[in-house]
Amino acid sequence: MLAIYLNDHLLGSTAGLELVRRARKASEGSELGDLLERLEAEIDEDRETLREAMAAVDAGEDKAKVVAGWTAEKLGRLKLNGKLIGHSPLSTVVELEGLSLGIQGKAALWKMLGATDDPRLAEFDFEALWKRAERQSAELEPHRIAAGEAAFAAAPAGRGPA
């Protein structure tokens, strides 16, 4: 069961890393872009820590899930965002919400692993990893809210599709 759980989180971390890379590129040269650049490095480090934890408990990587995570992020780009081609203010909102959810999932992972009594995981400081995820979430949140305010102020209110 642990191997399945860890591989599910590896899938999520793969999608999250691709998502933060895309969001960073769209926000280069801004305060948000600077934050996303740092988050990208930290998410990459966290993904490697997850892989190390998987190796410690002999949980092989499910390559199909890694590919599924990568593919899911790419398919997520096809969503309707109010523009036929390219990036819109809604794209930023959806990207930051997806990233926020991924960080929350990562925090839950670290908290869960920290609660296990598996001696093979004793070398990992899951509390520090959980606290880092909490910090990441807190730093991202004002940008997520600001992106929503900007996107929804930029377009006239409407009922949307019936």
Protein backbone atom coordinates (compact mmCIF):
# COMPACT_ATOMS: atom_id res chain seq x y z
CA MET A 1 0.00 0.00 0.00
CA LEU A 2 2.82 2.42 0.82
CA ALA A 3 4.40 1.94 -2.61
CA ILE A 4 1.10 2.76 -4.32
CA TYR A 5 0.64 5.83 -2.12
CA LEU A 6 4.15 7.08 -2.81
CA ASN A 7 3.81 6.50 -6.54
CA ASP A 8 0.55 8.44 -6.55
CA HIS A 9 2.41 11.35 -4.99
CA LEU A 10 5.24 10.94 -7.49
CA LEU A 11 2.62 11.32 -10.23
CA GLY A 12 1.40 14.51 -8.56
CA SER A 13 4.91 15.86 -8.09
CA THR A 14 5.68 15.27 -11.74
CA ALA A 15 2.59 17.23 -12.78
CA GLY A 16 3.36 19.92 -10.20
CA LEU A 17 6.91 20.40 -11.40
CA GLU A 18 5.73 20.78 -15.00
CA LEU A 19 3.01 23.20 -13.89
CA VAL A 20 5.35 25.44 -11.89
CA ARG A 21 7.76 25.54 -14.84
CA ARG A 22 5.00 26.66 -17.19
CA ALA A 23 3.65 29.24 -14.73
CA ARG A 24 7.16 30.60 -14.10
CA LYS A 25 7.79 31.08 -17.81
CA ALA A 26 4.51 32.99 -18.17
CA SER A 27 5.43 35.23 -15.22
CA GLU A 28 9.12 35.92 -15.92
CA GLY A 29 10.35 39.32 -14.81
CA SER A 30 7.71 39.78 -12.12
CA GLU A 31 7.55 39.25 -8.36
CA LEU A 32 5.40 36.18 -9.02
CA GLY A 33 7.97 34.90 -11.52
CA ASP A 34 10.71 35.24 -8.90
CA LEU A 35 8.64 33.30 -6.37
CA LEU A 36 7.83 30.59 -8.91
CA GLU A 37 11.51 30.28 -9.81
CA ARG A 38 12.33 29.54 -6.17
CA LEU A 39 9.33 27.24 -5.81
CA GLU A 40 10.40 25.34 -8.91
CA ALA A 41 13.79 24.59 -7.34
CA GLU A 42 12.17 23.57 -4.04
CA ILE A 43 9.52 21.39 -5.72
CA ASP A 44 12.28 19.68 -7.67
CA GLU A 45 14.18 19.07 -4.40
CA ASP A 46 11.01 17.75 -2.74
CA ARG A 47 10.43 15.40 -5.67
CA GLU A 48 13.95 14.04 -5.26
CA THR A 49 13.36 13.58 -1.53
CA LEU A 50 10.19 11.65 -2.36
CA ARG A 51 12.20 9.43 -4.69
CA GLU A 52 14.77 8.87 -1.92
CA ALA A 53 11.99 7.92 0.50
CA MET A 54 10.61 5.54 -2.11
CA ALA A 55 14.04 3.92 -2.49
CA ALA A 56 14.37 3.64 1.30
CA VAL A 57 11.18 1.56 1.49
CA ASP A 58 11.93 -0.37 -1.72
CA ALA A 59 8.99 1.19 -3.56
CA GLY A 60 9.91 1.04 -7.22
CA GLU A 61 8.88 3.92 -9.42
CA ASP A 62 5.83 3.25 -11.51
CA LYS A 63 6.99 4.76 -14.80
CA ALA A 64 3.43 4.75 -16.14
CA LYS A 65 2.36 7.05 -13.28
CA VAL A 66 5.29 9.39 -13.92
CA VAL A 67 4.28 9.60 -17.58
CA ALA A 68 0.64 10.05 -16.55
CA GLY A 69 1.60 13.02 -14.36
CA TRP A 70 3.58 14.62 -17.16
CA THR A 71 0.75 13.98 -19.64
CA ALA A 72 -1.95 15.27 -17.28
CA GLU A 73 -0.18 18.60 -16.94
CA LYS A 74 0.18 18.91 -20.71
CA LEU A 75 -3.49 18.04 -21.26
CA GLY A 76 -4.44 20.63 -18.64
CA ARG A 77 -3.19 23.28 -21.04
CA LEU A 78 -6.09 22.52 -23.37
CA LYS A 79 -8.71 23.95 -20.99
CA LEU A 80 -10.80 26.87 -22.13
CA ASN A 81 -9.33 30.06 -20.68
CA GLY A 82 -11.26 32.79 -22.43
CA LYS A 83 -8.76 33.10 -25.29
CA LEU A 84 -8.54 30.96 -28.36
CA ILE A 85 -4.75 30.89 -28.32
CA GLY A 86 -2.29 31.79 -25.62
CA HIS A 87 -2.26 32.78 -22.01
CA SER A 88 -5.09 34.71 -20.38
CA PRO A 89 -5.53 36.13 -16.89
CA LEU A 90 -7.67 33.08 -16.12
CA SER A 91 -4.73 30.84 -17.07
CA THR A 92 -2.72 32.33 -14.21
CA VAL A 93 -5.58 31.77 -11.76
CA VAL A 94 -5.98 28.13 -12.76
CA GLU A 95 -2.22 27.50 -12.74
CA LEU A 96 -1.78 29.01 -9.29
CA GLU A 97 -4.78 27.10 -7.94
CA GLY A 98 -3.40 23.86 -9.33
CA LEU A 99 -0.01 24.62 -7.82
CA SER A 100 -1.64 25.48 -4.50
CA LEU A 101 -3.52 22.19 -4.46
CA GLY A 102 -0.33 20.31 -5.30
CA ILE A 103 1.54 21.97 -2.45
CA GLN A 104 -1.30 21.11 -0.06
CA GLY A 105 -1.11 17.50 -1.23
CA LYS A 106 2.63 17.49 -0.68
CA ALA A 107 2.15 18.86 2.85
CA ALA A 108 -0.32 16.04 3.52
CA LEU A 109 2.23 13.51 2.21
CA TRP A 110 5.00 14.75 4.48
CA LYS A 111 2.64 14.85 7.46
CA MET A 112 1.47 11.29 6.76
CA LEU A 113 4.99 9.95 6.35
CA GLY A 114 6.04 11.72 9.53
CA ALA A 115 3.25 9.92 11.38
CA THR A 116 4.39 6.47 10.26
CA ASP A 117 6.59 4.31 12.44
CA ASP A 118 8.52 2.86 9.53
CA PRO A 119 12.18 2.71 10.65
CA ARG A 120 13.29 2.85 7.01
CA LEU A 121 12.07 6.47 6.93
CA ALA A 122 13.75 7.57 10.17
CA GLU A 123 16.48 9.54 8.33
CA PHE A 124 13.97 11.95 6.79
CA ASP A 125 12.93 15.18 8.50
CA PHE A 126 9.29 15.11 7.44
CA GLU A 127 8.35 17.86 9.89
CA ALA A 128 10.78 20.27 8.18
CA LEU A 129 9.43 19.22 4.77
CA TRP A 130 5.85 19.74 5.95
CA LYS A 131 6.72 23.18 7.34
CA ARG A 132 8.39 24.11 4.04
CA ALA A 133 5.23 23.11 2.15
CA GLU A 134 3.17 25.23 4.54
CA ARG A 135 5.50 28.20 3.90
CA GLN A 136 5.25 27.66 0.15
CA SER A 137 1.47 27.65 0.38
CA ALA A 138 1.44 30.84 2.46
CA GLU A 139 3.76 32.61 0.02
CA LEU A 140 1.74 31.56 -3.01
CA GLU A 141 -1.69 32.43 -1.62
CA PRO A 142 -1.54 36.25 -1.98
CA HIS A 143 -0.46 35.83 -5.61
CA ARG A 144 -3.32 33.40 -6.25
CA ILE A 145 -5.84 35.86 -4.80
CA ALA A 146 -4.33 38.80 -6.71
CA ALA A 147 -4.46 36.80 -9.95
CA GLY A 148 -8.15 36.09 -9.37
CA GLU A 149 -8.90 39.71 -8.59
CA ALA A 150 -7.10 40.83 -11.75
CA ALA A 151 -8.72 38.18 -13.97
CA PHE A 152 -12.24 38.74 -12.73
CA ALA A 153 -11.96 42.53 -12.83
CA ALA A 154 -10.65 42.38 -16.39
CA ALA A 155 -13.73 40.66 -17.80
CA PRO A 156 -17.38 41.64 -17.53
CA ALA A 157 -19.36 39.43 -15.19
CA GLY A 158 -21.45 36.87 -16.94
CA ARG A 159 -23.44 33.83 -16.18
CA GLY A 160 -21.25 31.57 -18.26
CA PRO A 161 -22.54 28.57 -20.15
CA ALA A 162 -26.01 27.38 -19.25
